[in-house]
Structure formats: structure tokens, C-alpha cells
Amino acid sequence: MRQDGFSLVELITVMAIIGSLLVIGTLDFNRMSRKYAIDNQTRSFYTDLMDARLKSMYKKKSHYVKLTVDTFSMYSSVDAGGNPIGLALTKGLKQQITWGTPNIIEFNSQGLTTNIGSICIADGANPGTNDSIVISRARVNMGKRKNGGACKSDDIEIK
């Protein structure tokens, strides 16, 4: 006699294979999701820095960027004590940052800065393509830290 259907052993084998594929897919999805979040924050942060630089050139007036571990703020001026005032933009950051510059970056009326250094995602072992921003006198560039190194301009590979 012929029986149609699957045996219990065949069914368990197929379910084990499907389960293994789901675990592998989930792990890879989490890694890709984290990579996207880091890249997205770095690109957004780069865009905001360039916006502050361009506004300072366009309005012929210095603009300031203030950094904290989890926020970024842009200001249009400073008071007599050098504290930023005239808040123009504040953004919360999902990934914490670290920096090798003063925590207040000034872009003068020509779009130049004396606050040369770098800003990085705090987690050094991240999968992001771009995880750092290097600020020089006349340029702002994105890059990736070499082997998860320190947040120094020398340890960042400009892309």
C-alpha cells in the first residue's frame, strides 16, 4: 500500500532548516539595520554642519554648532561670555557621539572655522560605511575610522 504525506522526521528536518535560515536572516538584518542607522546619522549630521557653514557665508554672520553626547544644536550668535544664543536648530542623536574638537564650532562669515578636528559615532566597532566627520579650516568631510581607532583626524579615512 502507498501512503501519501510526510513523515514526522521529514517535517522536523524541514522545520529545523527553516529555523536556521530565519536565525541567520535575523542576525544579518540587525547588523544591516544598525549600519543604516549609523550611516544615516553621519550623513544627516554632515548635512547640518554644511548648512551652518553655508548660512554663515550667505548671511555674512558667524554661526555656531554646539555638541553634546546626544544632541546637536545650531546657533546664530554668541553672548559676551562666548555662550551660544539665538537657537536655530536642535536635533537629538540616536547614536552617541564623541569629538576631538571643542564642543562649540564656529563658522565665521566666510564659512571658515578654527575648530579643526573630528566628530565620530561613539561606538568604535560599528559596521557603518561612514561613521566620522573631519572638520578642517575650509572643508567638512565624511569618513570611516580605521580599525575602530580613536576619534582623531589621523585615524579617519576620508571617503
Protein backbone atom coordinates (compact mmCIF):
# COMPACT_ATOMS: atom_id res chain seq x y z
CA MET A 1 0.00 0.00 0.00
CA ARG A 2 1.12 3.52 -0.77
CA GLN A 3 0.78 6.32 1.82
CA ASP A 4 0.71 9.99 0.81
CA GLY A 5 2.08 12.74 3.04
CA PHE A 6 5.19 13.50 5.07
CA SER A 7 6.75 11.53 7.85
CA LEU A 8 7.45 13.17 11.20
CA VAL A 9 11.20 13.03 10.59
CA GLU A 10 10.86 14.85 7.25
CA LEU A 11 8.66 17.53 8.82
CA ILE A 12 11.07 18.14 11.72
CA THR A 13 14.05 18.32 9.31
CA VAL A 14 12.33 20.93 7.13
CA MET A 15 11.33 22.99 10.19
CA ALA A 16 14.92 22.88 11.51
CA ILE A 17 16.26 24.12 8.17
CA ILE A 18 13.69 26.95 8.04
CA GLY A 19 14.51 27.90 11.64
CA SER A 20 18.24 28.05 10.89
CA LEU A 21 17.63 30.29 7.86
CA LEU A 22 15.43 32.61 9.93
CA VAL A 23 18.11 32.98 12.63
CA ILE A 24 20.77 33.79 10.03
CA GLY A 25 18.45 36.27 8.29
CA THR A 26 17.53 37.99 11.56
CA LEU A 27 21.16 38.42 12.63
CA ASP A 28 22.09 39.87 9.26
CA PHE A 29 19.04 42.17 9.31
CA ASN A 30 20.01 43.55 12.74
CA ARG A 31 23.55 44.26 11.51
CA MET A 32 22.28 45.96 8.35
CA SER A 33 19.74 47.97 10.33
CA ARG A 34 22.48 49.22 12.69
CA LYS A 35 24.75 50.05 9.74
CA TYR A 36 21.97 52.05 8.11
CA ALA A 37 21.24 53.97 11.34
CA ILE A 38 24.91 54.94 11.76
CA ASP A 39 25.29 55.96 8.11
CA ASN A 40 22.04 57.92 8.23
CA GLN A 41 23.03 59.85 11.36
CA THR A 42 26.50 60.63 9.98
CA ARG A 43 25.06 61.91 6.69
CA SER A 44 22.39 63.95 8.47
CA PHE A 45 24.98 65.43 10.83
CA TYR A 46 27.25 66.26 7.88
CA THR A 47 24.35 67.98 6.12
CA ASP A 48 23.58 70.06 9.21
CA LEU A 49 27.23 71.14 9.58
CA MET A 50 27.33 72.15 5.91
CA ASP A 51 24.05 74.04 6.41
CA ALA A 52 25.57 76.03 9.30
CA ARG A 53 28.64 76.76 7.17
CA LEU A 54 26.57 77.90 4.19
CA LYS A 55 24.26 80.04 6.34
CA SER A 56 27.27 81.82 7.80
CA MET A 57 28.56 82.60 4.28
CA TYR A 58 25.14 83.58 2.93
CA LYS A 59 24.18 85.84 5.86
CA LYS A 60 27.77 87.13 6.33
CA LYS A 61 27.44 86.34 10.01
CA SER A 62 29.06 83.68 12.20
CA HIS A 63 27.05 80.58 13.06
CA TYR A 64 27.83 78.19 15.88
CA VAL A 65 27.32 74.48 16.38
CA LYS A 66 27.23 73.11 19.92
CA LEU A 67 27.82 69.41 20.55
CA THR A 68 26.81 67.21 23.44
CA VAL A 69 26.97 63.43 23.60
CA ASP A 70 23.41 63.02 22.32
CA THR A 71 22.37 66.41 20.85
CA PHE A 72 23.44 68.81 18.14
CA SER A 73 22.40 72.49 18.26
CA MET A 74 22.94 75.34 15.79
CA TYR A 75 23.02 78.97 16.96
CA SER A 76 23.14 82.27 15.11
CA SER A 77 25.26 84.23 17.62
CA VAL A 78 27.03 84.24 20.99
CA ASP A 79 26.72 86.44 24.06
CA ALA A 80 29.55 88.41 25.70
CA GLY A 81 30.66 85.32 27.62
CA GLY A 82 31.01 83.25 24.44
CA ASN A 83 27.88 81.20 25.12
CA PRO A 84 25.73 80.45 22.05
CA ILE A 85 22.38 82.24 21.79
CA GLY A 86 19.77 82.53 19.04
CA LEU A 87 18.88 78.85 18.78
CA ALA A 88 18.12 77.93 15.16
CA LEU A 89 18.03 74.11 15.30
CA THR A 90 18.32 71.30 17.84
CA LYS A 91 18.41 67.62 17.00
CA GLY A 92 18.58 64.61 19.23
CA LEU A 93 21.06 61.97 18.14
CA LYS A 94 20.17 58.27 18.30
CA GLN A 95 23.80 57.18 18.33
CA GLN A 96 26.05 58.89 20.88
CA ILE A 97 28.97 60.89 19.52
CA THR A 98 32.47 61.75 20.64
CA TRP A 99 34.65 64.53 19.25
CA GLY A 100 38.19 65.76 19.03
CA THR A 101 37.26 69.44 18.64
CA PRO A 102 35.95 71.98 21.13
CA ASN A 103 32.25 71.33 21.79
CA ILE A 104 31.35 74.67 20.15
CA ILE A 105 32.31 75.02 16.49
CA GLU A 106 32.24 78.48 14.93
CA PHE A 107 31.82 79.05 11.21
CA ASN A 108 32.78 82.69 10.51
CA SER A 109 31.22 84.96 7.89
CA GLN A 110 33.42 83.38 5.21
CA GLY A 111 32.40 79.82 6.16
CA LEU A 112 35.79 79.06 7.68
CA THR A 113 36.49 77.63 11.12
CA THR A 114 39.41 77.49 13.52
CA ASN A 115 37.89 74.48 15.33
CA ILE A 116 39.80 71.81 13.41
CA GLY A 117 39.19 68.20 14.48
CA SER A 118 36.79 65.31 14.13
CA ILE A 119 33.40 64.05 15.28
CA CYS A 120 32.69 60.30 15.50
CA ILE A 121 29.98 57.85 16.44
CA ALA A 122 30.98 56.77 19.97
CA ASP A 123 30.93 53.03 19.25
CA GLY A 124 34.27 52.25 17.58
CA ALA A 125 33.34 48.74 16.41
CA ASN A 126 30.40 49.69 14.21
CA PRO A 127 29.54 48.39 10.75
CA GLY A 128 28.78 51.82 9.25
CA THR A 129 30.36 52.88 5.97
CA ASN A 130 30.71 56.45 7.25
CA ASP A 131 31.00 56.94 11.00
CA SER A 132 33.08 60.12 11.29
CA ILE A 133 33.24 63.73 10.19
CA VAL A 134 36.54 65.57 9.79
CA ILE A 135 36.47 69.36 10.08
CA SER A 136 39.33 71.37 8.62
CA ARG A 137 39.63 75.12 8.20
CA ALA A 138 37.75 75.26 4.90
CA ARG A 139 36.21 71.80 4.50
CA VAL A 140 33.94 69.31 6.18
CA ASN A 141 34.39 65.66 5.09
CA MET A 142 32.84 62.30 5.98
CA GLY A 143 34.93 59.21 6.60
CA LYS A 144 35.41 55.93 8.43
CA ARG A 145 37.70 55.27 11.37
CA LYS A 146 40.48 52.83 10.56
CA ASN A 147 40.04 49.59 12.52
CA GLY A 148 37.78 51.30 15.06
CA GLY A 149 40.61 53.65 16.11
CA ALA A 150 40.43 56.81 18.15
CA CYS A 151 38.40 59.81 17.05
CA LYS A 152 41.42 61.67 15.61
CA SER A 153 41.72 63.07 12.10
CA ASP A 154 44.80 60.89 11.50
CA ASP A 155 42.79 57.71 12.27
CA ILE A 156 39.95 58.54 9.85
CA GLU A 157 39.94 57.53 6.21
CA ILE A 158 38.16 60.19 4.14
CA LYS A 159 35.74 58.73 1.60
